[in-house]
Amino acid sequence: MNGAVYLAIAIIGEVIATSFLRASSGFTQLVPTIVVVLGYGITFYFFSLALQTIPVGIGYAIWSGVGIVLVSVIAYFAYGQTLDLPALVGMGLILAGVLVINLFSHSSAH
């Protein structure tokens, strides 16, 4: 597998783990806590593999940016979190930044 696949798996793991943090109720609920711990374990393992071929700054920017947007979308549906216009604009800028990095930056080519 290549770095982009590892990074995608890391992002999915992080989004799942973060989405279950609230349900863990401060780690007092067993099943959500297990999902959080396993999710972050998977996340950091695959993120470490991704960083073997992706520069750390680029990988982290993509991981955190995409994670922020996906967690916010899940929180909207799962927890009724509202997103006002500034939040949506900010997330749009985050996505734009990720696109600029992937499409135009020579740093991501490693």
C-alpha atoms as a PDB file:
ATOM      1  CA  MET A   1       0.000   0.000   0.000  1.00  0.00           C
ATOM      2  CA  ASN A   2       1.088   3.567  -0.496  1.00  0.00           C
ATOM      3  CA  GLY A   3       1.149   6.501   1.900  1.00  0.00           C
ATOM      4  CA  ALA A   4      -2.157   7.927   0.714  1.00  0.00           C
ATOM      5  CA  VAL A   5      -3.978   4.682   1.543  1.00  0.00           C
ATOM      6  CA  TYR A   6      -2.363   4.541   4.979  1.00  0.00           C
ATOM      7  CA  LEU A   7      -3.311   8.173   5.540  1.00  0.00           C
ATOM      8  CA  ALA A   8      -6.926   7.489   4.535  1.00  0.00           C
ATOM      9  CA  ILE A   9      -7.114   4.591   7.002  1.00  0.00           C
ATOM     10  CA  ALA A  10      -5.603   6.818   9.715  1.00  0.00           C
ATOM     11  CA  ILE A  11      -8.190   9.516   9.012  1.00  0.00           C
ATOM     12  CA  ILE A  12     -11.075   7.039   9.141  1.00  0.00           C
ATOM     13  CA  GLY A  13      -9.794   5.614  12.428  1.00  0.00           C
ATOM     14  CA  GLU A  14      -9.429   9.084  13.927  1.00  0.00           C
ATOM     15  CA  VAL A  15     -12.895  10.159  12.822  1.00  0.00           C
ATOM     16  CA  ILE A  16     -14.480   7.032  14.306  1.00  0.00           C
ATOM     17  CA  ALA A  17     -12.527   7.334  17.564  1.00  0.00           C
ATOM     18  CA  THR A  18     -13.255  11.036  17.971  1.00  0.00           C
ATOM     19  CA  SER A  19     -16.920  10.518  17.169  1.00  0.00           C
ATOM     20  CA  PHE A  20     -17.173   7.989  20.005  1.00  0.00           C
ATOM     21  CA  LEU A  21     -15.466  10.212  22.596  1.00  0.00           C
ATOM     22  CA  ARG A  22     -18.720  11.872  23.609  1.00  0.00           C
ATOM     23  CA  ALA A  23     -20.514   8.520  23.872  1.00  0.00           C
ATOM     24  CA  SER A  24     -17.747   7.220  26.145  1.00  0.00           C
ATOM     25  CA  SER A  25     -18.936   9.686  28.841  1.00  0.00           C
ATOM     26  CA  GLY A  26     -15.454  10.319  30.175  1.00  0.00           C
ATOM     27  CA  PHE A  27     -14.456   6.692  29.588  1.00  0.00           C
ATOM     28  CA  THR A  28     -17.209   5.394  31.859  1.00  0.00           C
ATOM     29  CA  GLN A  29     -19.032   3.504  29.079  1.00  0.00           C
ATOM     30  CA  LEU A  30     -17.152   0.331  28.122  1.00  0.00           C
ATOM     31  CA  VAL A  31     -18.037  -0.197  24.448  1.00  0.00           C
ATOM     32  CA  PRO A  32     -17.519   3.412  23.304  1.00  0.00           C
ATOM     33  CA  THR A  33     -14.280   3.539  25.310  1.00  0.00           C
ATOM     34  CA  ILE A  34     -13.013   0.413  23.557  1.00  0.00           C
ATOM     35  CA  VAL A  35     -13.905   1.956  20.177  1.00  0.00           C
ATOM     36  CA  VAL A  36     -11.985   5.127  21.115  1.00  0.00           C
ATOM     37  CA  VAL A  37      -8.870   3.279  22.276  1.00  0.00           C
ATOM     38  CA  LEU A  38      -8.806   0.894  19.302  1.00  0.00           C
ATOM     39  CA  GLY A  39      -9.613   3.706  16.874  1.00  0.00           C
ATOM     40  CA  TYR A  40      -6.740   5.873  18.054  1.00  0.00           C
ATOM     41  CA  GLY A  41      -4.396   2.881  18.125  1.00  0.00           C
ATOM     42  CA  ILE A  42      -5.245   2.110  14.499  1.00  0.00           C
ATOM     43  CA  THR A  43      -4.985   5.789  13.654  1.00  0.00           C
ATOM     44  CA  PHE A  44      -1.493   6.306  14.980  1.00  0.00           C
ATOM     45  CA  TYR A  45      -0.214   3.025  13.581  1.00  0.00           C
ATOM     46  CA  PHE A  46      -1.388   3.816  10.050  1.00  0.00           C
ATOM     47  CA  PHE A  47      -0.391   7.480  10.352  1.00  0.00           C
ATOM     48  CA  SER A  48       3.135   6.349  11.230  1.00  0.00           C
ATOM     49  CA  LEU A  49       3.158   4.172   8.104  1.00  0.00           C
ATOM     50  CA  ALA A  50       1.868   7.058   5.974  1.00  0.00           C
ATOM     51  CA  LEU A  51       4.682   9.280   7.231  1.00  0.00           C
ATOM     52  CA  GLN A  52       7.255   6.925   5.747  1.00  0.00           C
ATOM     53  CA  THR A  53       6.370   8.366   2.317  1.00  0.00           C
ATOM     54  CA  ILE A  54       4.471  11.590   3.090  1.00  0.00           C
ATOM     55  CA  PRO A  55       6.235  14.580   4.695  1.00  0.00           C
ATOM     56  CA  VAL A  56       5.076  14.994   8.293  1.00  0.00           C
ATOM     57  CA  GLY A  57       3.772  18.564   7.883  1.00  0.00           C
ATOM     58  CA  ILE A  58       1.796  17.707   4.771  1.00  0.00           C
ATOM     59  CA  GLY A  59       0.453  14.478   6.259  1.00  0.00           C
ATOM     60  CA  TYR A  60      -0.591  16.195   9.458  1.00  0.00           C
ATOM     61  CA  ALA A  61      -2.282  19.055   7.598  1.00  0.00           C
ATOM     62  CA  ILE A  62      -4.329  16.621   5.528  1.00  0.00           C
ATOM     63  CA  TRP A  63      -5.088  14.322   8.482  1.00  0.00           C
ATOM     64  CA  SER A  64      -6.233  17.087  10.785  1.00  0.00           C
ATOM     65  CA  GLY A  65      -8.074  19.103   8.130  1.00  0.00           C
ATOM     66  CA  VAL A  66     -10.086  16.244   6.718  1.00  0.00           C
ATOM     67  CA  GLY A  67     -10.675  14.918  10.243  1.00  0.00           C
ATOM     68  CA  ILE A  68     -12.092  18.257  11.433  1.00  0.00           C
ATOM     69  CA  VAL A  69     -14.552  18.410   8.565  1.00  0.00           C
ATOM     70  CA  LEU A  70     -15.671  14.769   8.818  1.00  0.00           C
ATOM     71  CA  VAL A  71     -16.071  14.869  12.610  1.00  0.00           C
ATOM     72  CA  SER A  72     -18.140  18.048  12.285  1.00  0.00           C
ATOM     73  CA  VAL A  73     -20.406  16.429   9.711  1.00  0.00           C
ATOM     74  CA  ILE A  74     -20.863  13.333  11.874  1.00  0.00           C
ATOM     75  CA  ALA A  75     -21.538  15.505  14.950  1.00  0.00           C
ATOM     76  CA  TYR A  76     -24.208  17.356  12.974  1.00  0.00           C
ATOM     77  CA  PHE A  77     -26.090  14.137  12.265  1.00  0.00           C
ATOM     78  CA  ALA A  78     -25.285  12.101  15.398  1.00  0.00           C
ATOM     79  CA  TYR A  79     -25.421  14.794  18.081  1.00  0.00           C
ATOM     80  CA  GLY A  80     -27.419  17.600  16.474  1.00  0.00           C
ATOM     81  CA  GLN A  81     -24.427  19.954  16.494  1.00  0.00           C
ATOM     82  CA  THR A  82     -25.321  23.075  14.577  1.00  0.00           C
ATOM     83  CA  LEU A  83     -22.932  24.648  12.122  1.00  0.00           C
ATOM     84  CA  ASP A  84     -23.377  28.359  11.494  1.00  0.00           C
ATOM     85  CA  LEU A  85     -22.131  30.224   8.435  1.00  0.00           C
ATOM     86  CA  PRO A  86     -18.694  31.101   9.880  1.00  0.00           C
ATOM     87  CA  ALA A  87     -18.153  27.443  10.826  1.00  0.00           C
ATOM     88  CA  LEU A  88     -19.099  26.305   7.337  1.00  0.00           C
ATOM     89  CA  VAL A  89     -16.891  28.947   5.713  1.00  0.00           C
ATOM     90  CA  GLY A  90     -13.997  27.934   7.956  1.00  0.00           C
ATOM     91  CA  MET A  91     -14.414  24.273   7.071  1.00  0.00           C
ATOM     92  CA  GLY A  92     -14.594  25.229   3.404  1.00  0.00           C
ATOM     93  CA  LEU A  93     -11.267  27.016   3.802  1.00  0.00           C
ATOM     94  CA  ILE A  94      -9.789  23.956   5.491  1.00  0.00           C
ATOM     95  CA  LEU A  95     -10.895  21.782   2.580  1.00  0.00           C
ATOM     96  CA  ALA A  96      -9.546  24.354   0.132  1.00  0.00           C
ATOM     97  CA  GLY A  97      -6.203  24.206   1.926  1.00  0.00           C
ATOM     98  CA  VAL A  98      -6.107  20.420   1.704  1.00  0.00           C
ATOM     99  CA  LEU A  99      -6.895  20.636  -2.015  1.00  0.00           C
ATOM    100  CA  VAL A 100      -4.179  23.247  -2.595  1.00  0.00           C
ATOM    101  CA  ILE A 101      -1.640  21.049  -0.807  1.00  0.00           C
ATOM    102  CA  ASN A 102      -2.599  17.967  -2.825  1.00  0.00           C
ATOM    103  CA  LEU A 103      -2.989  19.629  -6.197  1.00  0.00           C
ATOM    104  CA  PHE A 104      -0.294  22.307  -6.249  1.00  0.00           C
ATOM    105  CA  SER A 105       2.332  21.703  -3.570  1.00  0.00           C
ATOM    106  CA  HIS A 106       5.520  19.997  -4.637  1.00  0.00           C
ATOM    107  CA  SER A 107       6.175  19.256  -0.962  1.00  0.00           C
ATOM    108  CA  SER A 108       3.566  16.509  -0.978  1.00  0.00           C
ATOM    109  CA  ALA A 109       5.373  14.652  -3.782  1.00  0.00           C
ATOM    110  CA  HIS A 110       8.257  13.797  -1.350  1.00  0.00           C
END
